[in-house]
């Protein structure tokens, strides 16, 4: 009986883990990501409605709509920036937050 109970508990935990969009890891906090975007990104990127970036940097809503854009791909990009993007030395939490904000810009 105890083995059956442990098996059921394990299966429930596994299902919850796999159903979480980030594989069980904490998701970022989009409002903090928006604040970071206003602080660090707005001079080059259009980060949301009502602001403009340079013509050469993709707007965040366009990045968000790309099929290959995921929290993981955004964090990988942010962890290894390349010119002309400066090295912002973002923490993991800041990368999570910024990725969550960018993904929040996806249309319906």
Protein backbone atom coordinates (compact mmCIF):
# COMPACT_ATOMS: atom_id res chain seq x y z
CA UNK A 1 0.00 0.00 0.00
CA UNK A 2 2.81 2.39 0.88
CA UNK A 3 4.57 1.74 -2.44
CA UNK A 4 1.35 2.53 -4.29
CA UNK A 5 0.95 5.79 -2.37
CA UNK A 6 4.55 6.82 -3.08
CA UNK A 7 4.09 5.96 -6.75
CA UNK A 8 0.95 8.10 -6.98
CA UNK A 9 2.67 11.02 -5.23
CA UNK A 10 5.65 10.72 -7.59
CA UNK A 11 3.38 10.71 -10.66
CA UNK A 12 1.49 13.78 -9.44
CA UNK A 13 4.73 15.67 -8.83
CA UNK A 14 6.04 14.65 -12.24
CA UNK A 15 2.85 15.77 -14.00
CA UNK A 16 2.90 19.15 -12.24
CA UNK A 17 6.60 19.57 -13.07
CA UNK A 18 6.12 18.77 -16.76
CA UNK A 19 2.99 20.92 -17.07
CA UNK A 20 4.84 24.02 -15.83
CA UNK A 21 5.91 26.14 -18.84
CA UNK A 22 9.47 26.50 -17.58
CA UNK A 23 9.92 22.88 -16.56
CA UNK A 24 9.31 23.51 -12.90
CA UNK A 25 11.55 26.55 -12.57
CA UNK A 26 10.17 29.82 -11.24
CA UNK A 27 8.92 32.13 -13.96
CA UNK A 28 10.01 35.73 -14.16
CA UNK A 29 8.03 38.71 -12.93
CA UNK A 30 6.91 40.68 -16.01
CA UNK A 31 6.33 44.03 -14.20
CA UNK A 32 9.94 44.01 -13.03
CA UNK A 33 10.99 43.05 -16.56
CA UNK A 34 9.13 46.08 -17.90
CA UNK A 35 11.00 48.28 -15.42
CA UNK A 36 14.31 46.78 -16.56
CA UNK A 37 13.36 47.33 -20.21
CA UNK A 38 12.62 51.00 -19.50
CA UNK A 39 15.94 51.31 -17.71
CA UNK A 40 18.25 49.41 -20.08
CA UNK A 41 16.58 48.63 -23.42
CA UNK A 42 14.40 51.57 -24.44
CA UNK A 43 17.25 53.56 -25.96
CA UNK A 44 17.58 50.95 -28.73
CA UNK A 45 14.39 48.84 -28.71
CA UNK A 46 10.76 49.77 -28.81
CA UNK A 47 9.93 47.97 -25.58
CA UNK A 48 6.19 48.45 -25.60
CA UNK A 49 3.34 50.73 -26.57
CA UNK A 50 4.13 54.42 -26.49
CA UNK A 51 7.89 54.39 -26.90
CA UNK A 52 10.33 54.26 -29.78
CA UNK A 53 13.74 52.73 -30.18
CA UNK A 54 16.25 52.91 -32.98
CA UNK A 55 15.23 51.64 -36.38
CA UNK A 56 18.01 49.03 -36.31
CA UNK A 57 16.94 47.18 -33.14
CA UNK A 58 13.94 44.87 -33.31
CA UNK A 59 10.92 46.00 -31.28
CA UNK A 60 10.17 43.74 -28.32
CA UNK A 61 6.67 42.92 -29.63
CA UNK A 62 8.25 41.63 -32.87
CA UNK A 63 10.74 39.54 -30.90
CA UNK A 64 7.89 38.17 -28.80
CA UNK A 65 5.92 37.05 -31.86
CA UNK A 66 8.74 35.03 -33.40
CA UNK A 67 7.93 31.31 -33.24
CA UNK A 68 11.40 30.46 -31.90
CA UNK A 69 11.17 32.96 -29.05
CA UNK A 70 10.92 31.20 -25.70
CA UNK A 71 11.96 32.10 -22.19
CA UNK A 72 14.99 29.87 -22.69
CA UNK A 73 16.04 31.42 -26.00
CA UNK A 74 15.68 34.93 -24.57
CA UNK A 75 17.73 34.07 -21.49
CA UNK A 76 20.43 32.47 -23.66
CA UNK A 77 20.58 35.60 -25.80
CA UNK A 78 20.68 37.91 -22.78
CA UNK A 79 23.44 35.89 -21.13
CA UNK A 80 25.75 36.24 -24.13
CA UNK A 81 25.05 39.66 -25.66
CA UNK A 82 26.91 40.77 -28.75
CA UNK A 83 27.67 44.14 -30.31
CA UNK A 84 26.02 46.47 -30.71
CA UNK A 85 24.10 45.21 -27.67
CA UNK A 86 26.02 46.07 -24.50
CA UNK A 87 26.82 43.53 -21.83
CA UNK A 88 24.26 44.43 -19.18
CA UNK A 89 25.49 41.79 -16.72
CA UNK A 90 21.94 40.88 -15.76
CA UNK A 91 21.33 38.46 -12.93
CA UNK A 92 19.41 35.24 -13.60
CA UNK A 93 16.33 36.72 -11.94
CA UNK A 94 16.59 39.87 -14.07
CA UNK A 95 16.88 37.72 -17.22
CA UNK A 96 13.82 35.73 -16.11
CA UNK A 97 11.92 38.97 -15.49
CA UNK A 98 12.92 40.54 -18.82
CA UNK A 99 12.05 37.34 -20.71
CA UNK A 100 8.67 37.22 -18.94
CA UNK A 101 8.00 40.84 -19.95
CA UNK A 102 8.96 40.29 -23.59
CA UNK A 103 6.79 37.17 -23.79
CA UNK A 104 3.91 39.12 -22.21
CA UNK A 105 3.88 41.30 -25.35
CA UNK A 106 2.67 38.43 -27.53
CA UNK A 107 -0.68 39.08 -29.07
CA UNK A 108 -3.59 36.82 -28.07
